[in-house]
Amino acid sequence: MVGIIMGSQSDLPIMEQAANFLKSLDIPYELTVVSAHRTPERMFDYAKTAKERGLKVIVAGAGGAAHLPGMAASCTTLPVIGVPILSSNSIDGWDSVLSILQMPGGIPVATVALNGALNAGILAAKIIATSNEQVAENLQKYQDALKDKVLGTVDDIKAKHPNHFDQ
């Protein structure tokens, strides 16, 4: 259901965060390298055939000039989520962030934070959940677990630092 693409293998440690989240919710995905600059024909073919292959969302990660998310978005009607990646040729990641964020009118790309592939995976799951009740239920369980984790830390802190005004 979700296509996860990246500009090069060096992006894999970041992009696996999206894959691992989708895997945890039993959402099918494919993960591959598609470079906008080094394999443009592959990128065009990937994006143009994504819908007919059953994909519902594309998560595209790229560093440096970061053209992959926008170029993929220009070739499909599917939603594309861009993940800017701090790469070895990046200028503190800002080049990647701005390349993905500042898309021209008509070609939107949802953009997550620098190296934010986990949030991209979550956003992709939320998009799928609009038409898939099982995914929606699994997402609710995930969000409930986040809430429980935070509330658990509140109790831990209170135990270590009781409110002395209540005495």
C-alpha atoms as a PDB file:
ATOM      1  CA  MET A   1       0.000   0.000   0.000  1.00  0.00           C
ATOM      2  CA  VAL A   2       2.904   2.387   0.663  1.00  0.00           C
ATOM      3  CA  GLY A   3       5.884   2.977  -1.566  1.00  0.00           C
ATOM      4  CA  ILE A   4       9.006   4.087   0.265  1.00  0.00           C
ATOM      5  CA  ILE A   5      11.702   5.433  -2.003  1.00  0.00           C
ATOM      6  CA  MET A   6      15.022   7.108  -1.357  1.00  0.00           C
ATOM      7  CA  GLY A   7      17.685   8.772  -3.424  1.00  0.00           C
ATOM      8  CA  SER A   8      20.486   6.430  -2.385  1.00  0.00           C
ATOM      9  CA  GLN A   9      21.322   3.506  -0.127  1.00  0.00           C
ATOM     10  CA  SER A  10      22.910   5.914   2.366  1.00  0.00           C
ATOM     11  CA  ASP A  11      19.357   7.109   3.177  1.00  0.00           C
ATOM     12  CA  LEU A  12      18.302   3.610   4.255  1.00  0.00           C
ATOM     13  CA  PRO A  13      18.924   3.958   8.025  1.00  0.00           C
ATOM     14  CA  ILE A  14      16.535   6.931   8.086  1.00  0.00           C
ATOM     15  CA  MET A  15      13.915   5.552   5.703  1.00  0.00           C
ATOM     16  CA  GLU A  16      13.769   2.212   7.525  1.00  0.00           C
ATOM     17  CA  GLN A  17      12.032   4.096  10.341  1.00  0.00           C
ATOM     18  CA  ALA A  18       8.985   4.519   8.096  1.00  0.00           C
ATOM     19  CA  ALA A  19       9.170   0.901   6.955  1.00  0.00           C
ATOM     20  CA  ASN A  20       9.449  -0.388  10.511  1.00  0.00           C
ATOM     21  CA  PHE A  21       6.432   1.632  11.635  1.00  0.00           C
ATOM     22  CA  LEU A  22       4.333   0.395   8.721  1.00  0.00           C
ATOM     23  CA  LYS A  23       5.467  -3.160   9.428  1.00  0.00           C
ATOM     24  CA  SER A  24       4.379  -2.770  13.070  1.00  0.00           C
ATOM     25  CA  LEU A  25       0.839  -1.951  11.878  1.00  0.00           C
ATOM     26  CA  ASP A  26       0.814  -4.721   9.246  1.00  0.00           C
ATOM     27  CA  ILE A  27       0.637  -2.218   6.396  1.00  0.00           C
ATOM     28  CA  PRO A  28       2.207  -3.595   3.220  1.00  0.00           C
ATOM     29  CA  TYR A  29       5.023  -1.499   1.767  1.00  0.00           C
ATOM     30  CA  GLU A  30       7.805  -1.638  -0.747  1.00  0.00           C
ATOM     31  CA  LEU A  31      11.211  -0.090  -0.137  1.00  0.00           C
ATOM     32  CA  THR A  32      13.688   0.757  -2.872  1.00  0.00           C
ATOM     33  CA  VAL A  33      16.235   3.229  -4.220  1.00  0.00           C
ATOM     34  CA  VAL A  34      14.994   5.602  -6.916  1.00  0.00           C
ATOM     35  CA  SER A  35      17.326   8.477  -7.707  1.00  0.00           C
ATOM     36  CA  ALA A  36      15.839  11.528  -9.401  1.00  0.00           C
ATOM     37  CA  HIS A  37      19.261  12.528 -10.695  1.00  0.00           C
ATOM     38  CA  ARG A  38      21.026   9.246 -11.441  1.00  0.00           C
ATOM     39  CA  THR A  39      18.052   7.130 -12.577  1.00  0.00           C
ATOM     40  CA  PRO A  40      15.432   9.605 -13.826  1.00  0.00           C
ATOM     41  CA  GLU A  41      13.706   7.071 -16.105  1.00  0.00           C
ATOM     42  CA  ARG A  42      13.319   4.687 -13.140  1.00  0.00           C
ATOM     43  CA  MET A  43      11.892   7.536 -11.048  1.00  0.00           C
ATOM     44  CA  PHE A  44       9.372   8.509 -13.741  1.00  0.00           C
ATOM     45  CA  ASP A  45       8.316   4.886 -14.244  1.00  0.00           C
ATOM     46  CA  TYR A  46       8.027   4.264 -10.500  1.00  0.00           C
ATOM     47  CA  ALA A  47       5.789   7.267  -9.882  1.00  0.00           C
ATOM     48  CA  LYS A  48       3.680   6.870 -13.032  1.00  0.00           C
ATOM     49  CA  THR A  49       2.894   3.198 -12.311  1.00  0.00           C
ATOM     50  CA  ALA A  50       2.533   3.475  -8.514  1.00  0.00           C
ATOM     51  CA  LYS A  51      -1.261   3.721  -8.481  1.00  0.00           C
ATOM     52  CA  GLU A  52      -1.803   0.800 -10.853  1.00  0.00           C
ATOM     53  CA  ARG A  53       0.560  -1.284  -8.697  1.00  0.00           C
ATOM     54  CA  GLY A  54      -1.767  -0.709  -5.728  1.00  0.00           C
ATOM     55  CA  LEU A  55       0.106   1.975  -3.848  1.00  0.00           C
ATOM     56  CA  LYS A  56      -1.961   4.541  -1.937  1.00  0.00           C
ATOM     57  CA  VAL A  57       0.848   6.806  -0.688  1.00  0.00           C
ATOM     58  CA  ILE A  58       4.496   7.421  -1.564  1.00  0.00           C
ATOM     59  CA  VAL A  59       7.066   8.335   1.079  1.00  0.00           C
ATOM     60  CA  ALA A  60      10.132   9.792  -0.626  1.00  0.00           C
ATOM     61  CA  GLY A  61      13.349  10.618   1.192  1.00  0.00           C
ATOM     62  CA  ALA A  62      16.209  12.613  -0.258  1.00  0.00           C
ATOM     63  CA  GLY A  63      19.184  14.665   0.839  1.00  0.00           C
ATOM     64  CA  GLY A  64      21.067  17.535  -0.730  1.00  0.00           C
ATOM     65  CA  ALA A  65      19.107  19.062  -3.606  1.00  0.00           C
ATOM     66  CA  ALA A  66      16.289  16.598  -2.718  1.00  0.00           C
ATOM     67  CA  HIS A  67      14.348  16.559  -5.984  1.00  0.00           C
ATOM     68  CA  LEU A  68      12.924  13.044  -5.569  1.00  0.00           C
ATOM     69  CA  PRO A  69       9.727  13.847  -3.603  1.00  0.00           C
ATOM     70  CA  GLY A  70       8.693  16.718  -5.848  1.00  0.00           C
ATOM     71  CA  MET A  71       9.515  14.937  -9.072  1.00  0.00           C
ATOM     72  CA  ALA A  72       7.597  11.863  -7.915  1.00  0.00           C
ATOM     73  CA  ALA A  73       4.637  14.081  -6.979  1.00  0.00           C
ATOM     74  CA  SER A  74       4.673  15.616 -10.454  1.00  0.00           C
ATOM     75  CA  CYS A  75       4.136  12.177 -12.009  1.00  0.00           C
ATOM     76  CA  THR A  76       1.273  10.813  -9.880  1.00  0.00           C
ATOM     77  CA  THR A  77      -2.010  11.800  -8.282  1.00  0.00           C
ATOM     78  CA  LEU A  78      -1.100   9.847  -5.147  1.00  0.00           C
ATOM     79  CA  PRO A  79      -0.144  11.799  -2.033  1.00  0.00           C
ATOM     80  CA  VAL A  80       3.612  12.114  -1.608  1.00  0.00           C
ATOM     81  CA  ILE A  81       5.258  12.636   1.757  1.00  0.00           C
ATOM     82  CA  GLY A  82       8.755  14.074   1.563  1.00  0.00           C
ATOM     83  CA  VAL A  83      11.464  13.258   4.072  1.00  0.00           C
ATOM     84  CA  PRO A  84      14.389  15.686   3.955  1.00  0.00           C
ATOM     85  CA  ILE A  85      17.567  13.837   4.894  1.00  0.00           C
ATOM     86  CA  LEU A  86      20.746  15.275   6.328  1.00  0.00           C
ATOM     87  CA  SER A  87      23.249  13.789   3.909  1.00  0.00           C
ATOM     88  CA  SER A  88      26.987  14.098   3.541  1.00  0.00           C
ATOM     89  CA  ASN A  89      26.577  16.754   0.843  1.00  0.00           C
ATOM     90  CA  SER A  90      23.907  18.687   2.747  1.00  0.00           C
ATOM     91  CA  ILE A  91      24.161  22.227   4.091  1.00  0.00           C
ATOM     92  CA  ASP A  92      22.993  21.451   7.647  1.00  0.00           C
ATOM     93  CA  GLY A  93      19.932  19.822   6.068  1.00  0.00           C
ATOM     94  CA  TRP A  94      18.360  23.141   5.102  1.00  0.00           C
ATOM     95  CA  ASP A  95      18.895  22.529   1.391  1.00  0.00           C
ATOM     96  CA  SER A  96      16.916  19.290   1.658  1.00  0.00           C
ATOM     97  CA  VAL A  97      14.176  20.803   3.824  1.00  0.00           C
ATOM     98  CA  LEU A  98      13.645  23.771   1.524  1.00  0.00           C
ATOM     99  CA  SER A  99      13.882  21.704  -1.673  1.00  0.00           C
ATOM    100  CA  ILE A 100      10.980  19.556  -0.484  1.00  0.00           C
ATOM    101  CA  LEU A 101       9.009  22.200   1.392  1.00  0.00           C
ATOM    102  CA  GLN A 102       9.002  24.950  -1.234  1.00  0.00           C
ATOM    103  CA  MET A 103       7.089  23.165  -3.993  1.00  0.00           C
ATOM    104  CA  PRO A 104       5.454  25.223  -6.752  1.00  0.00           C
ATOM    105  CA  GLY A 105       1.685  25.628  -6.762  1.00  0.00           C
ATOM    106  CA  GLY A 106      -0.094  22.570  -8.119  1.00  0.00           C
ATOM    107  CA  ILE A 107       2.491  19.996  -7.049  1.00  0.00           C
ATOM    108  CA  PRO A 108       2.124  19.638  -3.264  1.00  0.00           C
ATOM    109  CA  VAL A 109       4.382  17.450  -1.161  1.00  0.00           C
ATOM    110  CA  ALA A 110       3.593  16.899   2.499  1.00  0.00           C
ATOM    111  CA  THR A 111       6.903  17.493   4.272  1.00  0.00           C
ATOM    112  CA  VAL A 112       8.043  16.126   7.623  1.00  0.00           C
ATOM    113  CA  ALA A 113      11.004  17.232   9.720  1.00  0.00           C
ATOM    114  CA  LEU A 114      14.630  16.611   8.808  1.00  0.00           C
ATOM    115  CA  ASN A 115      15.267  12.850   9.130  1.00  0.00           C
ATOM    116  CA  GLY A 116      11.594  12.481  10.135  1.00  0.00           C
ATOM    117  CA  ALA A 117      10.847   9.195   8.390  1.00  0.00           C
ATOM    118  CA  LEU A 118       8.994   7.832  11.428  1.00  0.00           C
ATOM    119  CA  ASN A 119       6.475  10.666  11.187  1.00  0.00           C
ATOM    120  CA  ALA A 120       6.251  10.088   7.437  1.00  0.00           C
ATOM    121  CA  GLY A 121       5.325   6.465   8.119  1.00  0.00           C
ATOM    122  CA  ILE A 122       2.736   7.549  10.667  1.00  0.00           C
ATOM    123  CA  LEU A 123       1.278  10.111   8.249  1.00  0.00           C
ATOM    124  CA  ALA A 124       1.121   7.501   5.486  1.00  0.00           C
ATOM    125  CA  ALA A 125      -0.742   5.179   7.871  1.00  0.00           C
ATOM    126  CA  LYS A 126      -3.170   7.979   8.749  1.00  0.00           C
ATOM    127  CA  ILE A 127      -3.889   8.556   5.071  1.00  0.00           C
ATOM    128  CA  ILE A 128      -4.568   4.851   4.580  1.00  0.00           C
ATOM    129  CA  ALA A 129      -6.700   4.780   7.746  1.00  0.00           C
ATOM    130  CA  THR A 130      -9.236   7.108   6.131  1.00  0.00           C
ATOM    131  CA  SER A 131     -10.454   4.141   4.097  1.00  0.00           C
ATOM    132  CA  ASN A 132      -9.205   1.159   6.136  1.00  0.00           C
ATOM    133  CA  GLU A 133     -10.828   0.531   9.516  1.00  0.00           C
ATOM    134  CA  GLN A 134      -8.212  -2.014  10.647  1.00  0.00           C
ATOM    135  CA  VAL A 135      -5.402   0.474  10.086  1.00  0.00           C
ATOM    136  CA  ALA A 136      -7.464   3.119  11.918  1.00  0.00           C
ATOM    137  CA  GLU A 137      -7.878   0.784  14.895  1.00  0.00           C
ATOM    138  CA  ASN A 138      -4.160  -0.053  14.941  1.00  0.00           C
ATOM    139  CA  LEU A 139      -3.300   3.642  14.813  1.00  0.00           C
ATOM    140  CA  GLN A 140      -5.618   4.312  17.748  1.00  0.00           C
ATOM    141  CA  LYS A 141      -3.839   1.611  19.761  1.00  0.00           C
ATOM    142  CA  TYR A 142      -0.500   3.218  18.866  1.00  0.00           C
ATOM    143  CA  GLN A 143      -1.704   6.661  19.969  1.00  0.00           C
ATOM    144  CA  ASP A 144      -3.168   5.218  23.177  1.00  0.00           C
ATOM    145  CA  ALA A 145       0.190   3.610  23.938  1.00  0.00           C
ATOM    146  CA  LEU A 146       1.910   6.990  23.453  1.00  0.00           C
ATOM    147  CA  LYS A 147      -0.555   8.590  25.870  1.00  0.00           C
ATOM    148  CA  ASP A 148      -0.029   5.815  28.438  1.00  0.00           C
ATOM    149  CA  LYS A 149       3.746   6.220  28.155  1.00  0.00           C
ATOM    150  CA  VAL A 150       3.546   9.954  28.867  1.00  0.00           C
ATOM    151  CA  LEU A 151       1.131   9.466  31.762  1.00  0.00           C
ATOM    152  CA  GLY A 152       3.486   6.844  33.179  1.00  0.00           C
ATOM    153  CA  THR A 153       6.315   9.356  33.203  1.00  0.00           C
ATOM    154  CA  VAL A 154       4.067  11.855  35.012  1.00  0.00           C
ATOM    155  CA  ASP A 155       3.512   9.293  37.773  1.00  0.00           C
ATOM    156  CA  ASP A 156       7.247   8.463  37.928  1.00  0.00           C
ATOM    157  CA  ILE A 157       8.198  12.120  38.311  1.00  0.00           C
ATOM    158  CA  LYS A 158       5.498  12.726  40.912  1.00  0.00           C
ATOM    159  CA  ALA A 159       6.776   9.753  42.953  1.00  0.00           C
ATOM    160  CA  LYS A 160      10.314  11.146  42.913  1.00  0.00           C
ATOM    161  CA  HIS A 161       9.268  14.757  43.402  1.00  0.00           C
ATOM    162  CA  PRO A 162       5.973  14.924  45.317  1.00  0.00           C
ATOM    163  CA  ASN A 163       4.083  18.177  45.303  1.00  0.00           C
ATOM    164  CA  HIS A 164       4.873  19.677  48.704  1.00  0.00           C
ATOM    165  CA  PHE A 165       2.048  22.197  48.414  1.00  0.00           C
ATOM    166  CA  ASP A 166      -0.507  19.415  48.842  1.00  0.00           C
ATOM    167  CA  GLN A 167       0.722  18.639  52.398  1.00  0.00           C
END
